[in-house]
C-alpha atoms as a PDB file:
ATOM      1  CA  MET A   1      12.458  59.742  16.783  1.00  0.00           C
ATOM      2  CA  SER A   2      13.768  56.931  14.617  1.00  0.00           C
ATOM      3  CA  LYS A   3      17.049  55.387  15.676  1.00  0.00           C
ATOM      4  CA  LEU A   4      18.829  55.940  12.374  1.00  0.00           C
ATOM      5  CA  HIS A   5      22.013  54.051  11.560  1.00  0.00           C
ATOM      6  CA  LEU A   6      24.358  54.687   8.641  1.00  0.00           C
ATOM      7  CA  VAL A   7      26.527  51.921   7.196  1.00  0.00           C
ATOM      8  CA  PHE A   8      29.463  52.826   4.993  1.00  0.00           C
ATOM      9  CA  GLY A   9      32.990  51.742   4.256  1.00  0.00           C
ATOM     10  CA  GLY A  10      36.056  52.233   2.176  1.00  0.00           C
ATOM     11  CA  ARG A  11      39.767  51.775   1.840  1.00  0.00           C
ATOM     12  CA  VAL A  12      41.757  52.899   4.897  1.00  0.00           C
ATOM     13  CA  SER A  13      45.427  53.843   5.139  1.00  0.00           C
ATOM     14  CA  ASP A  14      45.872  51.694   8.267  1.00  0.00           C
ATOM     15  CA  PRO A  15      43.500  48.822   9.182  1.00  0.00           C
ATOM     16  CA  GLN A  16      43.723  49.890  12.838  1.00  0.00           C
ATOM     17  CA  THR A  17      42.144  53.297  12.085  1.00  0.00           C
ATOM     18  CA  LEU A  18      39.250  54.950  10.287  1.00  0.00           C
ATOM     19  CA  ASP A  19      41.518  57.149   8.165  1.00  0.00           C
ATOM     20  CA  PHE A  20      39.856  56.670   4.777  1.00  0.00           C
ATOM     21  CA  LYS A  21      42.191  57.109   1.794  1.00  0.00           C
ATOM     22  CA  ASP A  22      39.726  58.489  -0.751  1.00  0.00           C
ATOM     23  CA  LEU A  23      36.498  60.030   0.531  1.00  0.00           C
ATOM     24  CA  SER A  24      35.118  60.233  -2.997  1.00  0.00           C
ATOM     25  CA  ALA A  25      35.258  56.415  -3.172  1.00  0.00           C
ATOM     26  CA  ILE A  26      33.301  55.733   0.043  1.00  0.00           C
ATOM     27  CA  ASP A  27      30.791  52.893  -0.341  1.00  0.00           C
ATOM     28  CA  PHE A  28      27.523  54.092   1.213  1.00  0.00           C
ATOM     29  CA  VAL A  29      25.647  50.891   2.027  1.00  0.00           C
ATOM     30  CA  GLY A  30      22.585  52.692   3.381  1.00  0.00           C
ATOM     31  CA  LEU A  31      20.502  54.155   6.198  1.00  0.00           C
ATOM     32  CA  PHE A  32      18.681  51.777   8.505  1.00  0.00           C
ATOM     33  CA  PRO A  33      15.897  52.284  11.070  1.00  0.00           C
ATOM     34  CA  ASP A  34      17.404  50.020  13.724  1.00  0.00           C
ATOM     35  CA  TYR A  35      20.729  48.527  14.770  1.00  0.00           C
ATOM     36  CA  LYS A  36      19.736  44.974  13.877  1.00  0.00           C
ATOM     37  CA  SER A  37      19.174  45.766  10.198  1.00  0.00           C
ATOM     38  CA  ALA A  38      22.271  48.002  10.102  1.00  0.00           C
ATOM     39  CA  GLU A  39      24.394  45.220  11.585  1.00  0.00           C
ATOM     40  CA  LYS A  40      23.072  42.769   8.993  1.00  0.00           C
ATOM     41  CA  ALA A  41      24.013  45.160   6.173  1.00  0.00           C
ATOM     42  CA  TRP A  42      27.421  45.826   7.778  1.00  0.00           C
ATOM     43  CA  ARG A  43      28.157  42.085   8.058  1.00  0.00           C
ATOM     44  CA  SER A  44      27.193  41.541   4.433  1.00  0.00           C
ATOM     45  CA  ALA A  45      29.400  44.392   3.178  1.00  0.00           C
ATOM     46  CA  ALA A  46      32.327  43.404   5.394  1.00  0.00           C
ATOM     47  CA  GLN A  47      32.058  39.753   4.321  1.00  0.00           C
ATOM     48  CA  ARG A  48      32.329  40.727   0.639  1.00  0.00           C
ATOM     49  CA  THR A  49      35.722  42.342   1.350  1.00  0.00           C
ATOM     50  CA  VAL A  50      36.998  39.994   4.069  1.00  0.00           C
ATOM     51  CA  ASP A  51      40.200  39.219   2.141  1.00  0.00           C
ATOM     52  CA  ASP A  52      41.088  42.911   1.686  1.00  0.00           C
ATOM     53  CA  ALA A  53      42.701  44.163   4.915  1.00  0.00           C
ATOM     54  CA  GLU A  54      42.506  47.780   3.748  1.00  0.00           C
ATOM     55  CA  MET A  55      38.705  47.770   3.412  1.00  0.00           C
ATOM     56  CA  ARG A  56      36.736  48.732   6.487  1.00  0.00           C
ATOM     57  CA  TYR A  57      32.991  49.107   7.065  1.00  0.00           C
ATOM     58  CA  VAL A  58      31.351  50.848  10.019  1.00  0.00           C
ATOM     59  CA  VAL A  59      27.945  51.448  11.584  1.00  0.00           C
ATOM     60  CA  VAL A  60      27.319  55.035  12.710  1.00  0.00           C
ATOM     61  CA  HIS A  61      24.555  55.666  15.235  1.00  0.00           C
ATOM     62  CA  LEU A  62      23.134  58.825  13.638  1.00  0.00           C
ATOM     63  CA  HIS A  63      20.463  59.168  16.301  1.00  0.00           C
ATOM     64  CA  ARG A  64      23.235  59.681  18.870  1.00  0.00           C
ATOM     65  CA  LEU A  65      24.587  62.595  16.856  1.00  0.00           C
ATOM     66  CA  LEU A  66      21.126  64.141  16.509  1.00  0.00           C
ATOM     67  CA  GLN A  67      20.228  63.700  20.194  1.00  0.00           C
ATOM     68  CA  PRO A  68      23.449  63.074  22.166  1.00  0.00           C
ATOM     69  CA  ASP A  69      21.616  63.026  25.539  1.00  0.00           C
ATOM     70  CA  ASP A  70      19.573  60.027  24.402  1.00  0.00           C
ATOM     71  CA  ALA A  71      22.513  57.585  24.020  1.00  0.00           C
ATOM     72  CA  GLU A  72      20.789  54.220  24.378  1.00  0.00           C
ATOM     73  CA  ASP A  73      20.223  52.002  21.318  1.00  0.00           C
END
């Protein structure tokens, strides 16, 4: 199985959390076949908004959700 990774971000109510303010405004960066390419996309998206403390981007390991017993990257 592919080790799918999702990268997305948006405006959060508190920079210490992942409580997104407006789910309809989420920026879906994309799906990636490996962590390395997902991390590269995450860094690029996060760098574009580095001066906005309320913007937060994350990498979700979708393969862990699909097969939780297979937790290694």
